[in-house]
Amino acid sequence: MGDFENRNREGKIKENTAAAASDEKAGGENPKSGVPLRTYLIMILAGAYVAYLGVSLCQGVMKGAEGSSPGFMVAGVVFIVLGVIFVINGIRGSLKVSKAQKEQANAENAQQAQGAANESASAAVLPQTKNSTEPGKKMSIADRANLVSKLGDAQEDEEEK
């Protein structure tokens, strides 16, 4: 029973870390500030609503609605200003996040291209080392060390070109 519980705990830990990683990717988290894209979108919507409320307060005072006072006009103007500031900050933040996502995608593509180049260099060296061992035999430690050193030499030669 204890072994089952340990495996179950390990599975949950792996699921939680995988879920956290997918949340960061899906949310478009900005690596510098740690604010996800959805937060900026909510900020834009909230700013638009606050500005709408401010306009409604000002219109009520101008129409002379009952119970409206000059204080409502001041509050309406403050709401409009704050709403516009929220919308502008939300747009700026979402643009920064989308730019950071594009840069990260470009960096990942470059790393994948570099990895493919390294694999092709490794494939060029690998057939030469296979000839040193017989097909049915396991490699000895010395053969493995030679293989690693040849791969390193091939990568250095590739970088020099």
N, C-alpha and C. Protein backbone atom coordinates (compact mmCIF):
# COMPACT_ATOMS: atom_id res chain seq x y z
N MET A 1 0.82 -1.19 0.00
CA MET A 1 0.00 0.00 0.00
C MET A 1 0.86 1.26 0.00
N GLY A 2 1.99 1.23 0.71
CA GLY A 2 2.87 2.39 0.79
C GLY A 2 3.51 2.71 -0.55
N ASP A 3 3.84 1.65 -1.31
CA ASP A 3 4.46 1.86 -2.62
C ASP A 3 3.48 2.54 -3.56
N PHE A 4 2.21 2.13 -3.49
CA PHE A 4 1.18 2.74 -4.32
C PHE A 4 1.02 4.22 -3.99
N GLU A 5 1.03 4.56 -2.71
CA GLU A 5 0.88 5.95 -2.30
C GLU A 5 2.06 6.79 -2.79
N ASN A 6 3.27 6.25 -2.73
CA ASN A 6 4.44 6.98 -3.21
C ASN A 6 4.34 7.24 -4.71
N ARG A 7 3.94 6.20 -5.48
CA ARG A 7 3.80 6.39 -6.92
C ARG A 7 2.70 7.39 -7.22
N ASN A 8 1.61 7.36 -6.44
CA ASN A 8 0.51 8.28 -6.64
C ASN A 8 0.97 9.72 -6.37
N ARG A 9 1.74 9.91 -5.31
CA ARG A 9 2.26 11.24 -4.98
C ARG A 9 3.18 11.74 -6.09
N GLU A 10 4.08 10.86 -6.57
CA GLU A 10 4.99 11.25 -7.64
C GLU A 10 4.22 11.64 -8.90
N GLY A 11 3.17 10.90 -9.20
CA GLY A 11 2.35 11.21 -10.37
C GLY A 11 1.68 12.56 -10.23
N LYS A 12 1.18 12.86 -9.03
CA LYS A 12 0.53 14.15 -8.81
C LYS A 12 1.53 15.29 -8.91
N ILE A 13 2.73 15.08 -8.42
CA ILE A 13 3.76 16.12 -8.51
C ILE A 13 4.09 16.40 -9.97
N LYS A 14 4.25 15.34 -10.76
CA LYS A 14 4.55 15.52 -12.18
C LYS A 14 3.40 16.23 -12.89
N GLU A 15 2.15 15.87 -12.55
CA GLU A 15 1.01 16.51 -13.16
C GLU A 15 0.96 17.99 -12.79
N ASN A 16 1.23 18.30 -11.53
CA ASN A 16 1.18 19.70 -11.09
C ASN A 16 2.26 20.53 -11.78
N THR A 17 3.46 20.00 -11.91
CA THR A 17 4.52 20.76 -12.57
C THR A 17 4.23 20.90 -14.05
N ALA A 18 3.67 19.86 -14.67
CA ALA A 18 3.31 19.96 -16.09
C ALA A 18 2.19 20.97 -16.28
N ALA A 19 1.21 20.98 -15.37
CA ALA A 19 0.11 21.92 -15.47
C ALA A 19 0.61 23.35 -15.27
N ALA A 20 1.53 23.55 -14.35
CA ALA A 20 2.07 24.90 -14.14
C ALA A 20 2.83 25.37 -15.36
N ALA A 21 3.59 24.49 -15.98
CA ALA A 21 4.33 24.87 -17.17
C ALA A 21 3.38 25.21 -18.32
N SER A 22 2.31 24.45 -18.47
CA SER A 22 1.36 24.74 -19.55
C SER A 22 0.59 26.03 -19.26
N ASP A 23 0.31 26.32 -17.99
CA ASP A 23 -0.37 27.57 -17.63
C ASP A 23 0.50 28.76 -18.00
N GLU A 24 1.80 28.65 -17.75
CA GLU A 24 2.69 29.76 -18.07
C GLU A 24 2.73 29.99 -19.58
N LYS A 25 2.76 28.90 -20.35
CA LYS A 25 2.79 29.05 -21.80
C LYS A 25 1.46 29.57 -22.32
N ALA A 26 0.36 29.05 -21.82
CA ALA A 26 -0.95 29.46 -22.30
C ALA A 26 -1.28 30.88 -21.86
N GLY A 27 -0.85 31.28 -20.69
CA GLY A 27 -1.16 32.60 -20.19
C GLY A 27 -0.29 33.67 -20.80
N GLY A 28 0.75 33.31 -21.50
CA GLY A 28 1.62 34.28 -22.10
C GLY A 28 2.37 35.08 -21.06
N GLU A 29 2.94 34.42 -20.12
CA GLU A 29 3.59 35.12 -19.02
C GLU A 29 4.81 35.87 -19.52
N ASN A 30 4.94 37.09 -19.07
CA ASN A 30 6.09 37.91 -19.41
C ASN A 30 7.25 37.49 -18.53
N PRO A 31 8.39 37.08 -19.13
CA PRO A 31 9.49 36.60 -18.31
C PRO A 31 10.10 37.67 -17.40
N LYS A 32 9.98 38.93 -17.77
CA LYS A 32 10.59 39.98 -16.97
C LYS A 32 9.72 40.36 -15.77
N SER A 33 8.43 40.56 -16.00
CA SER A 33 7.60 41.04 -14.91
C SER A 33 6.75 39.95 -14.27
N GLY A 34 6.58 38.82 -14.95
CA GLY A 34 5.80 37.74 -14.40
C GLY A 34 4.31 37.97 -14.46
N VAL A 35 3.83 38.92 -15.29
CA VAL A 35 2.40 39.21 -15.40
C VAL A 35 1.88 38.54 -16.67
N PRO A 36 0.88 37.67 -16.53
CA PRO A 36 0.35 36.99 -17.71
C PRO A 36 -0.49 37.91 -18.59
N LEU A 37 -0.63 37.52 -19.83
CA LEU A 37 -1.36 38.31 -20.81
C LEU A 37 -2.82 38.51 -20.39
N ARG A 38 -3.42 37.50 -19.79
CA ARG A 38 -4.83 37.62 -19.41
C ARG A 38 -5.04 38.72 -18.37
N THR A 39 -4.04 39.00 -17.55
CA THR A 39 -4.15 40.08 -16.57
C THR A 39 -4.26 41.43 -17.29
N TYR A 40 -3.47 41.59 -18.35
CA TYR A 40 -3.54 42.84 -19.11
C TYR A 40 -4.89 42.97 -19.82
N LEU A 41 -5.42 41.86 -20.30
CA LEU A 41 -6.72 41.91 -20.96
C LEU A 41 -7.81 42.29 -19.97
N ILE A 42 -7.75 41.77 -18.77
CA ILE A 42 -8.72 42.13 -17.73
C ILE A 42 -8.56 43.60 -17.37
N MET A 43 -7.32 44.08 -17.34
CA MET A 43 -7.08 45.49 -17.03
C MET A 43 -7.72 46.39 -18.09
N ILE A 44 -7.63 45.99 -19.35
CA ILE A 44 -8.24 46.77 -20.43
C ILE A 44 -9.76 46.82 -20.26
N LEU A 45 -10.35 45.66 -19.99
CA LEU A 45 -11.81 45.60 -19.82
C LEU A 45 -12.26 46.41 -18.60
N ALA A 46 -11.54 46.29 -17.51
CA ALA A 46 -11.89 47.04 -16.30
C ALA A 46 -11.75 48.54 -16.53
N GLY A 47 -10.70 48.94 -17.22
CA GLY A 47 -10.50 50.36 -17.52
C GLY A 47 -11.62 50.92 -18.38
N ALA A 48 -12.05 50.14 -19.37
CA ALA A 48 -13.15 50.59 -20.23
C ALA A 48 -14.43 50.74 -19.41
N TYR A 49 -14.67 49.81 -18.50
CA TYR A 49 -15.88 49.89 -17.67
C TYR A 49 -15.83 51.08 -16.71
N VAL A 50 -14.68 51.32 -16.10
CA VAL A 50 -14.55 52.46 -15.18
C VAL A 50 -14.74 53.77 -15.94
N ALA A 51 -14.19 53.85 -17.16
CA ALA A 51 -14.38 55.06 -17.96
C ALA A 51 -15.86 55.23 -18.32
N TYR A 52 -16.54 54.13 -18.64
CA TYR A 52 -17.97 54.18 -18.94
C TYR A 52 -18.76 54.69 -17.73
N LEU A 53 -18.41 54.20 -16.54
CA LEU A 53 -19.09 54.68 -15.33
C LEU A 53 -18.86 56.18 -15.13
N GLY A 54 -17.65 56.63 -15.40
CA GLY A 54 -17.34 58.06 -15.27
C GLY A 54 -18.15 58.90 -16.22
N VAL A 55 -18.29 58.44 -17.45
CA VAL A 55 -19.09 59.17 -18.44
C VAL A 55 -20.56 59.20 -17.99
N SER A 56 -21.05 58.08 -17.46
CA SER A 56 -22.44 58.02 -16.98
C SER A 56 -22.68 59.00 -15.84
N LEU A 57 -21.71 59.10 -14.90
CA LEU A 57 -21.84 60.06 -13.79
C LEU A 57 -21.88 61.49 -14.31
N CYS A 58 -20.99 61.81 -15.24
CA CYS A 58 -20.95 63.18 -15.78
C CYS A 58 -22.24 63.51 -16.54
N GLN A 59 -22.76 62.53 -17.30
CA GLN A 59 -24.00 62.77 -18.04
C GLN A 59 -25.16 63.00 -17.07
N GLY A 60 -25.19 62.26 -15.97
CA GLY A 60 -26.25 62.44 -14.98
C GLY A 60 -26.23 63.83 -14.37
N VAL A 61 -25.05 64.36 -14.09
CA VAL A 61 -24.93 65.70 -13.52
C VAL A 61 -25.34 66.74 -14.56
N MET A 62 -24.94 66.56 -15.82
CA MET A 62 -25.27 67.54 -16.87
C MET A 62 -26.76 67.57 -17.18
N LYS A 63 -27.42 66.41 -17.09
CA LYS A 63 -28.86 66.36 -17.35
C LYS A 63 -29.66 66.86 -16.16
N GLY A 64 -29.01 67.00 -15.02
CA GLY A 64 -29.70 67.49 -13.82
C GLY A 64 -30.53 66.42 -13.15
N ALA A 65 -30.05 65.18 -13.15
CA ALA A 65 -30.78 64.08 -12.51
C ALA A 65 -30.89 64.35 -11.02
N GLU A 66 -31.96 63.79 -10.42
CA GLU A 66 -32.17 63.98 -8.99
C GLU A 66 -31.06 63.31 -8.19
N GLY A 67 -30.63 63.99 -7.15
CA GLY A 67 -29.61 63.43 -6.26
C GLY A 67 -28.19 63.61 -6.77
N SER A 68 -28.02 64.23 -7.93
CA SER A 68 -26.67 64.44 -8.45
C SER A 68 -26.14 65.78 -7.94
N SER A 69 -24.86 65.80 -7.65
CA SER A 69 -24.24 67.02 -7.13
C SER A 69 -22.93 67.24 -7.88
N PRO A 70 -22.31 68.39 -7.68
CA PRO A 70 -21.03 68.65 -8.35
C PRO A 70 -19.95 67.64 -7.97
N GLY A 71 -20.08 67.02 -6.82
CA GLY A 71 -19.12 65.99 -6.42
C GLY A 71 -19.14 64.80 -7.36
N PHE A 72 -20.35 64.49 -7.88
CA PHE A 72 -20.45 63.40 -8.85
C PHE A 72 -19.72 63.73 -10.14
N MET A 73 -19.73 65.00 -10.51
CA MET A 73 -19.02 65.43 -11.73
C MET A 73 -17.52 65.20 -11.54
N VAL A 74 -17.01 65.59 -10.37
CA VAL A 74 -15.58 65.40 -10.08
C VAL A 74 -15.25 63.90 -10.08
N ALA A 75 -16.10 63.11 -9.45
CA ALA A 75 -15.88 61.66 -9.41
C ALA A 75 -15.92 61.07 -10.82
N GLY A 76 -16.83 61.56 -11.64
CA GLY A 76 -16.92 61.08 -13.03
C GLY A 76 -15.66 61.37 -13.81
N VAL A 77 -15.12 62.58 -13.65
CA VAL A 77 -13.88 62.93 -14.35
C VAL A 77 -12.72 62.06 -13.86
N VAL A 78 -12.65 61.84 -12.55
CA VAL A 78 -11.59 60.97 -12.00
C VAL A 78 -11.73 59.55 -12.56
N PHE A 79 -12.98 59.05 -12.64
CA PHE A 79 -13.20 57.71 -13.19
C PHE A 79 -12.78 57.64 -14.65
N ILE A 80 -13.08 58.67 -15.41
CA ILE A 80 -12.70 58.67 -16.82
C ILE A 80 -11.18 58.63 -16.95
N VAL A 81 -10.49 59.45 -16.19
CA VAL A 81 -9.02 59.50 -16.25
C VAL A 81 -8.42 58.15 -15.86
N LEU A 82 -8.90 57.58 -14.75
CA LEU A 82 -8.38 56.28 -14.31
C LEU A 82 -8.68 55.18 -15.33
N GLY A 83 -9.87 55.19 -15.91
CA GLY A 83 -10.22 54.19 -16.91
C GLY A 83 -9.32 54.26 -18.12
N VAL A 84 -9.04 55.47 -18.58
CA VAL A 84 -8.15 55.64 -19.74
C VAL A 84 -6.74 55.17 -19.39
N ILE A 85 -6.27 55.47 -18.18
CA ILE A 85 -4.93 55.03 -17.76
C ILE A 85 -4.87 53.51 -17.72
N PHE A 86 -5.92 52.86 -17.19
CA PHE A 86 -5.94 51.39 -17.15
C PHE A 86 -5.90 50.79 -18.55
N VAL A 87 -6.68 51.37 -19.46
CA VAL A 87 -6.72 50.86 -20.83
C VAL A 87 -5.35 51.01 -21.49
N ILE A 88 -4.72 52.16 -21.33
CA ILE A 88 -3.41 52.39 -21.95
C ILE A 88 -2.36 51.44 -21.38
N ASN A 89 -2.33 51.29 -20.05
CA ASN A 89 -1.36 50.38 -19.44
C ASN A 89 -1.62 48.93 -19.86
N GLY A 90 -2.88 48.55 -19.97
CA GLY A 90 -3.21 47.20 -20.42
C GLY A 90 -2.75 46.93 -21.83
N ILE A 91 -2.95 47.91 -22.71
CA ILE A 91 -2.52 47.75 -24.10
C ILE A 91 -1.00 47.67 -24.18
N ARG A 92 -0.32 48.57 -23.47
CA ARG A 92 1.16 48.54 -23.48
C ARG A 92 1.69 47.20 -22.95
N GLY A 93 1.11 46.73 -21.85
CA GLY A 93 1.56 45.47 -21.27
C GLY A 93 1.32 44.29 -22.19
N SER A 94 0.15 44.26 -22.84
CA SER A 94 -0.14 43.15 -23.75
C SER A 94 0.78 43.19 -24.96
N LEU A 95 1.15 44.37 -25.42
CA LEU A 95 2.10 44.47 -26.54
C LEU A 95 3.48 43.97 -26.12
N LYS A 96 3.89 44.29 -24.89
CA LYS A 96 5.18 43.81 -24.39
C LYS A 96 5.20 42.29 -24.28
N VAL A 97 4.10 41.73 -23.78
CA VAL A 97 4.03 40.28 -23.63
C VAL A 97 4.05 39.60 -24.98
N SER A 98 3.30 40.13 -25.94
CA SER A 98 3.29 39.49 -27.27
C SER A 98 4.66 39.62 -27.93
N LYS A 99 5.34 40.74 -27.71
CA LYS A 99 6.69 40.90 -28.26
C LYS A 99 7.66 39.91 -27.60
N ALA A 100 7.55 39.74 -26.28
CA ALA A 100 8.41 38.79 -25.58
C ALA A 100 8.13 37.36 -26.03
N GLN A 101 6.86 37.04 -26.30
CA GLN A 101 6.52 35.70 -26.79
C GLN A 101 7.14 35.45 -28.15
N LYS A 102 7.10 36.46 -29.03
CA LYS A 102 7.70 36.30 -30.36
C LYS A 102 9.20 36.11 -30.25
N GLU A 103 9.84 36.89 -29.38
CA GLU A 103 11.29 36.75 -29.20
C GLU A 103 11.64 35.37 -28.64
N GLN A 104 10.83 34.89 -27.70
CA GLN A 104 11.08 33.58 -27.12
C GLN A 104 10.88 32.48 -28.17
N ALA A 105 9.86 32.63 -29.02
CA ALA A 105 9.63 31.64 -30.08
C ALA A 105 10.79 31.65 -31.07
N ASN A 106 11.29 32.84 -31.39
CA ASN A 106 12.44 32.93 -32.31
C ASN A 106 13.67 32.29 -31.69
N ALA A 107 13.88 32.50 -30.39
CA ALA A 107 15.03 31.91 -29.71
C ALA A 107 14.91 30.39 -29.68
N GLU A 108 13.70 29.88 -29.43
CA GLU A 108 13.50 28.44 -29.42
C GLU A 108 13.74 27.84 -30.81
N ASN A 109 13.29 28.54 -31.85
CA ASN A 109 13.53 28.07 -33.21
C ASN A 109 15.02 28.03 -33.53
N ALA A 110 15.74 29.05 -33.07
CA ALA A 110 17.18 29.08 -33.30
C ALA A 110 17.87 27.93 -32.56
N GLN A 111 17.43 27.65 -31.34
CA GLN A 111 18.02 26.54 -30.58
C GLN A 111 17.72 25.21 -31.25
N GLN A 112 16.51 25.05 -31.79
CA GLN A 112 16.18 23.82 -32.48
C GLN A 112 17.01 23.66 -33.74
N ALA A 113 17.23 24.75 -34.47
CA ALA A 113 18.05 24.68 -35.68
C ALA A 113 19.49 24.32 -35.32
N GLN A 114 19.99 24.89 -34.22
CA GLN A 114 21.34 24.59 -33.79
C GLN A 114 21.44 23.13 -33.34
N GLY A 115 20.41 22.65 -32.66
CA GLY A 115 20.38 21.25 -32.23
C GLY A 115 20.37 20.31 -33.42
N ALA A 116 19.65 20.68 -34.48
CA ALA A 116 19.62 19.85 -35.68
C ALA A 116 20.99 19.82 -36.35
N ALA A 117 21.68 20.95 -36.34
CA ALA A 117 23.03 21.00 -36.92
C ALA A 117 23.98 20.14 -36.11
N ASN A 118 23.85 20.17 -34.78
CA ASN A 118 24.70 19.34 -33.93
C ASN A 118 24.42 17.86 -34.15
N GLU A 119 23.14 17.51 -34.37
CA GLU A 119 22.79 16.12 -34.62
C GLU A 119 23.37 15.63 -35.93
N SER A 120 23.37 16.51 -36.94
CA SER A 120 23.93 16.10 -38.22
C SER A 120 25.43 15.90 -38.11
N ALA A 121 26.10 16.73 -37.29
CA ALA A 121 27.54 16.55 -37.08
C ALA A 121 27.79 15.26 -36.32
N SER A 122 26.93 14.94 -35.39
CA SER A 122 27.08 13.70 -34.63
C SER A 122 26.86 12.49 -35.53
N ALA A 123 25.90 12.60 -36.44
CA ALA A 123 25.61 11.50 -37.35
C ALA A 123 26.78 11.25 -38.29
N ALA A 124 27.50 12.31 -38.63
CA ALA A 124 28.66 12.15 -39.52
C ALA A 124 29.78 11.41 -38.81
N VAL A 125 29.94 11.61 -37.52
CA VAL A 125 31.00 10.96 -36.77
C VAL A 125 30.61 9.55 -36.36
N LEU A 126 29.34 9.31 -36.12
CA LEU A 126 28.87 8.04 -35.61
C LEU A 126 29.21 6.85 -36.50
N PRO A 127 29.04 6.92 -37.83
CA PRO A 127 29.39 5.75 -38.64
C PRO A 127 30.86 5.38 -38.55
N GLN A 128 31.73 6.35 -38.36
CA GLN A 128 33.15 6.04 -38.24
C GLN A 128 33.43 5.27 -36.96
N THR A 129 32.74 5.58 -35.91
CA THR A 129 33.00 4.90 -34.63
C THR A 129 32.36 3.54 -34.58
N LYS A 130 31.30 3.33 -35.33
CA LYS A 130 30.64 2.04 -35.31
C LYS A 130 31.54 0.97 -35.92
N ASN A 131 32.39 1.36 -36.84
CA ASN A 131 33.29 0.40 -37.47
C ASN A 131 34.30 -0.16 -36.49
N SER A 132 34.58 0.58 -35.41
CA SER A 132 35.58 0.12 -34.46
C SER A 132 35.05 -0.98 -33.55
N THR A 133 33.74 -1.15 -33.47
CA THR A 133 33.17 -2.22 -32.65
C THR A 133 32.38 -3.16 -33.54
N GLU A 134 32.26 -4.37 -33.11
CA GLU A 134 31.50 -5.34 -33.88
C GLU A 134 30.01 -5.12 -33.63
N PRO A 135 29.18 -5.44 -34.60
CA PRO A 135 27.76 -5.12 -34.50
C PRO A 135 27.04 -5.77 -33.32
N GLY A 136 27.37 -6.96 -32.94
CA GLY A 136 26.65 -7.64 -31.88
C GLY A 136 27.18 -7.37 -30.49
N LYS A 137 28.35 -6.75 -30.38
CA LYS A 137 28.99 -6.55 -29.08
C LYS A 137 28.53 -5.25 -28.43
N LYS A 138 28.62 -5.26 -27.12
CA LYS A 138 28.38 -4.03 -26.37
C LYS A 138 29.66 -3.21 -26.38
N MET A 139 29.50 -1.89 -26.28
CA MET A 139 30.67 -1.01 -26.29
C MET A 139 31.34 -1.03 -24.91
N SER A 140 32.64 -1.02 -24.93
CA SER A 140 33.38 -0.93 -23.68
C SER A 140 33.44 0.53 -23.24
N ILE A 141 33.91 0.73 -22.03
CA ILE A 141 34.03 2.10 -21.51
C ILE A 141 35.01 2.90 -22.34
N ALA A 142 36.08 2.26 -22.77
CA ALA A 142 37.08 2.95 -23.59
C ALA A 142 36.47 3.37 -24.93
N ASP A 143 35.66 2.47 -25.54
CA ASP A 143 35.01 2.82 -26.80
C ASP A 143 34.05 3.98 -26.63
N ARG A 144 33.33 3.99 -25.53
CA ARG A 144 32.42 5.10 -25.26
C ARG A 144 33.17 6.41 -25.08
N ALA A 145 34.29 6.37 -24.38
CA ALA A 145 35.10 7.58 -24.18
C ALA A 145 35.62 8.09 -25.52
N ASN A 146 36.07 7.17 -26.38
CA ASN A 146 36.54 7.57 -27.71
C ASN A 146 35.41 8.19 -28.52
N LEU A 147 34.23 7.62 -28.42
CA LEU A 147 33.08 8.16 -29.14
C LEU A 147 32.78 9.58 -28.69
N VAL A 148 32.79 9.81 -27.40
CA VAL A 148 32.51 11.14 -26.86
C VAL A 148 33.57 12.14 -27.33
N SER A 149 34.82 11.74 -27.30
CA SER A 149 35.88 12.67 -27.73
C SER A 149 35.77 12.97 -29.22
N LYS A 150 35.40 11.97 -30.03
CA LYS A 150 35.24 12.22 -31.47
C LYS A 150 34.05 13.13 -31.74
N LEU A 151 32.97 12.96 -30.98
CA LEU A 151 31.83 13.85 -31.14
C LEU A 151 32.21 15.29 -30.78
N GLY A 152 32.97 15.44 -29.71
CA GLY A 152 33.42 16.78 -29.31
C GLY A 152 34.31 17.40 -30.37
N ASP A 153 35.19 16.61 -30.95
CA ASP A 153 36.06 17.12 -32.02
C ASP A 153 35.24 17.52 -33.24
N ALA A 154 34.23 16.73 -33.57
CA ALA A 154 33.39 17.03 -34.72
C ALA A 154 32.62 18.33 -34.50
N GLN A 155 32.14 18.55 -33.29
CA GLN A 155 31.42 19.78 -32.99
C GLN A 155 32.35 20.99 -33.07
N GLU A 156 33.57 20.84 -32.61
CA GLU A 156 34.54 21.93 -32.70
C GLU A 156 34.85 22.25 -34.16
N ASP A 157 35.00 21.20 -34.98
CA ASP A 157 35.27 21.42 -36.40
C ASP A 157 34.08 22.12 -37.06
N GLU A 158 32.87 21.73 -36.67
CA GLU A 158 31.67 22.33 -37.22
C GLU A 158 31.58 23.81 -36.85
N GLU A 159 31.95 24.15 -35.61
CA GLU A 159 31.90 25.54 -35.16
C GLU A 159 32.95 26.39 -35.86
N GLU A 160 34.09 25.80 -36.19
CA GLU A 160 35.14 26.55 -36.87
C GLU A 160 34.73 26.88 -38.30
N LYS A 161 33.94 26.03 -38.91
CA LYS A 161 33.48 26.28 -40.29
C LYS A 161 32.47 27.35 -40.26
